[in-house]
C-alpha cells in the first residue's frame, strides 16, 4: 500500500465533485476498478447508440496457445455499431 499525503487528499477532494464541461460533445472517461464494471458500462453506452451492430470473431492465426490468448484479455467476440 502506498501512503497518500494530506495535500494529495485535499487536491483530489477539491476536484472530485466539480462538474464536467461537456459542451464540446466529448463525454468524460469513466474509470472502473473491475473488468465486469467496464463491460457493463460499455454495453450500456453501445446499446444507447442508434445503428446496426456488427460482431467480429477473433481468429488465432499466429500460433498462440489458449493460455496466451486468455492472458491477453482480448474478447472472443467484438461487437461494434455503425451509425
C-alpha atoms as a PDB file:
ATOM      1  CA  UNK A   1       0.000   0.000   0.000  1.00  0.00           C
ATOM      2  CA  UNK A   2       1.186   3.463  -0.814  1.00  0.00           C
ATOM      3  CA  UNK A   3       0.964   6.409   1.505  1.00  0.00           C
ATOM      4  CA  UNK A   4      -1.057   9.402   0.343  1.00  0.00           C
ATOM      5  CA  UNK A   5      -0.192  12.787   1.781  1.00  0.00           C
ATOM      6  CA  UNK A   6      -2.817  15.122   3.210  1.00  0.00           C
ATOM      7  CA  UNK A   7      -2.007  17.575   0.384  1.00  0.00           C
ATOM      8  CA  UNK A   8      -2.797  14.880  -2.201  1.00  0.00           C
ATOM      9  CA  UNK A   9      -6.070  14.014  -0.472  1.00  0.00           C
ATOM     10  CA  UNK A  10      -7.017  17.706  -0.380  1.00  0.00           C
ATOM     11  CA  UNK A  11      -6.207  18.131  -4.094  1.00  0.00           C
ATOM     12  CA  UNK A  12      -8.327  15.113  -5.030  1.00  0.00           C
ATOM     13  CA  UNK A  13     -11.232  16.188  -2.835  1.00  0.00           C
ATOM     14  CA  UNK A  14     -11.122  19.725  -4.256  1.00  0.00           C
ATOM     15  CA  UNK A  15     -11.714  18.428  -7.787  1.00  0.00           C
ATOM     16  CA  UNK A  16     -13.688  15.222  -7.185  1.00  0.00           C
ATOM     17  CA  UNK A  17     -17.167  16.723  -7.404  1.00  0.00           C
ATOM     18  CA  UNK A  18     -16.740  19.564  -9.859  1.00  0.00           C
ATOM     19  CA  UNK A  19     -18.984  19.462 -12.948  1.00  0.00           C
ATOM     20  CA  UNK A  20     -17.502  18.459 -16.288  1.00  0.00           C
ATOM     21  CA  UNK A  21     -17.706  20.799 -19.259  1.00  0.00           C
ATOM     22  CA  UNK A  22     -19.263  18.651 -21.966  1.00  0.00           C
ATOM     23  CA  UNK A  23     -20.158  21.482 -24.344  1.00  0.00           C
ATOM     24  CA  UNK A  24     -17.724  20.024 -26.881  1.00  0.00           C
ATOM     25  CA  UNK A  25     -19.763  16.793 -27.112  1.00  0.00           C
ATOM     26  CA  UNK A  26     -16.979  14.632 -25.689  1.00  0.00           C
ATOM     27  CA  UNK A  27     -18.027  12.516 -22.716  1.00  0.00           C
ATOM     28  CA  UNK A  28     -15.570  12.251 -19.829  1.00  0.00           C
ATOM     29  CA  UNK A  29     -13.927   8.857 -19.393  1.00  0.00           C
ATOM     30  CA  UNK A  30     -15.355   6.745 -16.586  1.00  0.00           C
ATOM     31  CA  UNK A  31     -12.700   4.760 -14.763  1.00  0.00           C
ATOM     32  CA  UNK A  32     -13.567   1.407 -13.171  1.00  0.00           C
ATOM     33  CA  UNK A  33     -11.578  -0.953 -10.973  1.00  0.00           C
ATOM     34  CA  UNK A  34     -13.206  -4.146 -12.205  1.00  0.00           C
ATOM     35  CA  UNK A  35     -13.396  -5.544 -15.728  1.00  0.00           C
ATOM     36  CA  UNK A  36     -17.057  -6.529 -15.286  1.00  0.00           C
ATOM     37  CA  UNK A  37     -17.942  -2.911 -14.459  1.00  0.00           C
ATOM     38  CA  UNK A  38     -16.138  -1.777 -17.615  1.00  0.00           C
ATOM     39  CA  UNK A  39     -18.049  -4.335 -19.700  1.00  0.00           C
ATOM     40  CA  UNK A  40     -21.382  -3.226 -18.196  1.00  0.00           C
ATOM     41  CA  UNK A  41     -20.690   0.459 -18.910  1.00  0.00           C
ATOM     42  CA  UNK A  42     -19.530  -0.282 -22.458  1.00  0.00           C
ATOM     43  CA  UNK A  43     -22.656  -2.380 -23.131  1.00  0.00           C
ATOM     44  CA  UNK A  44     -24.922   0.372 -21.771  1.00  0.00           C
ATOM     45  CA  UNK A  45     -23.238   3.005 -23.965  1.00  0.00           C
ATOM     46  CA  UNK A  46     -23.296   0.758 -27.052  1.00  0.00           C
ATOM     47  CA  UNK A  47     -26.988  -0.069 -26.504  1.00  0.00           C
ATOM     48  CA  UNK A  48     -27.773   3.667 -26.328  1.00  0.00           C
ATOM     49  CA  UNK A  49     -26.370   4.276 -29.816  1.00  0.00           C
ATOM     50  CA  UNK A  50     -28.546   4.079 -32.905  1.00  0.00           C
ATOM     51  CA  UNK A  51     -27.422   1.920 -35.776  1.00  0.00           C
ATOM     52  CA  UNK A  52     -26.755  -1.628 -36.832  1.00  0.00           C
ATOM     53  CA  UNK A  53     -24.466  -3.828 -34.752  1.00  0.00           C
ATOM     54  CA  UNK A  54     -21.669  -5.797 -36.366  1.00  0.00           C
ATOM     55  CA  UNK A  55     -19.915  -8.594 -34.490  1.00  0.00           C
ATOM     56  CA  UNK A  56     -16.387  -9.683 -35.304  1.00  0.00           C
ATOM     57  CA  UNK A  57     -14.955 -13.017 -34.165  1.00  0.00           C
ATOM     58  CA  UNK A  58     -11.338 -13.252 -33.051  1.00  0.00           C
ATOM     59  CA  UNK A  59      -9.097 -15.505 -35.124  1.00  0.00           C
ATOM     60  CA  UNK A  60      -5.950 -17.088 -33.718  1.00  0.00           C
ATOM     61  CA  UNK A  61      -3.707 -17.479 -36.742  1.00  0.00           C
ATOM     62  CA  UNK A  62      -0.383 -16.785 -35.072  1.00  0.00           C
ATOM     63  CA  UNK A  63       0.108 -19.984 -33.091  1.00  0.00           C
ATOM     64  CA  UNK A  64      -0.687 -18.657 -29.620  1.00  0.00           C
ATOM     65  CA  UNK A  65      -1.691 -21.194 -27.006  1.00  0.00           C
ATOM     66  CA  UNK A  66      -5.079 -20.993 -25.287  1.00  0.00           C
ATOM     67  CA  UNK A  67      -3.286 -19.821 -22.125  1.00  0.00           C
ATOM     68  CA  UNK A  68      -1.581 -16.984 -24.013  1.00  0.00           C
ATOM     69  CA  UNK A  69      -4.839 -15.961 -25.677  1.00  0.00           C
ATOM     70  CA  UNK A  70      -6.662 -15.890 -22.332  1.00  0.00           C
ATOM     71  CA  UNK A  71      -3.853 -13.863 -20.748  1.00  0.00           C
ATOM     72  CA  UNK A  72      -4.059 -11.117 -23.377  1.00  0.00           C
ATOM     73  CA  UNK A  73      -7.612 -10.263 -22.317  1.00  0.00           C
ATOM     74  CA  UNK A  74      -8.997  -9.736 -25.821  1.00  0.00           C
ATOM     75  CA  UNK A  75     -12.611 -10.870 -26.219  1.00  0.00           C
ATOM     76  CA  UNK A  76     -13.563 -13.787 -28.461  1.00  0.00           C
ATOM     77  CA  UNK A  77     -16.262 -11.569 -29.981  1.00  0.00           C
ATOM     78  CA  UNK A  78     -16.202  -7.814 -30.521  1.00  0.00           C
ATOM     79  CA  UNK A  79     -19.480  -6.039 -31.219  1.00  0.00           C
ATOM     80  CA  UNK A  80     -19.409  -2.569 -32.768  1.00  0.00           C
ATOM     81  CA  UNK A  81     -22.168  -0.320 -34.012  1.00  0.00           C
ATOM     82  CA  UNK A  82     -22.268   1.550 -37.329  1.00  0.00           C
ATOM     83  CA  UNK A  83     -24.076   4.875 -37.300  1.00  0.00           C
END
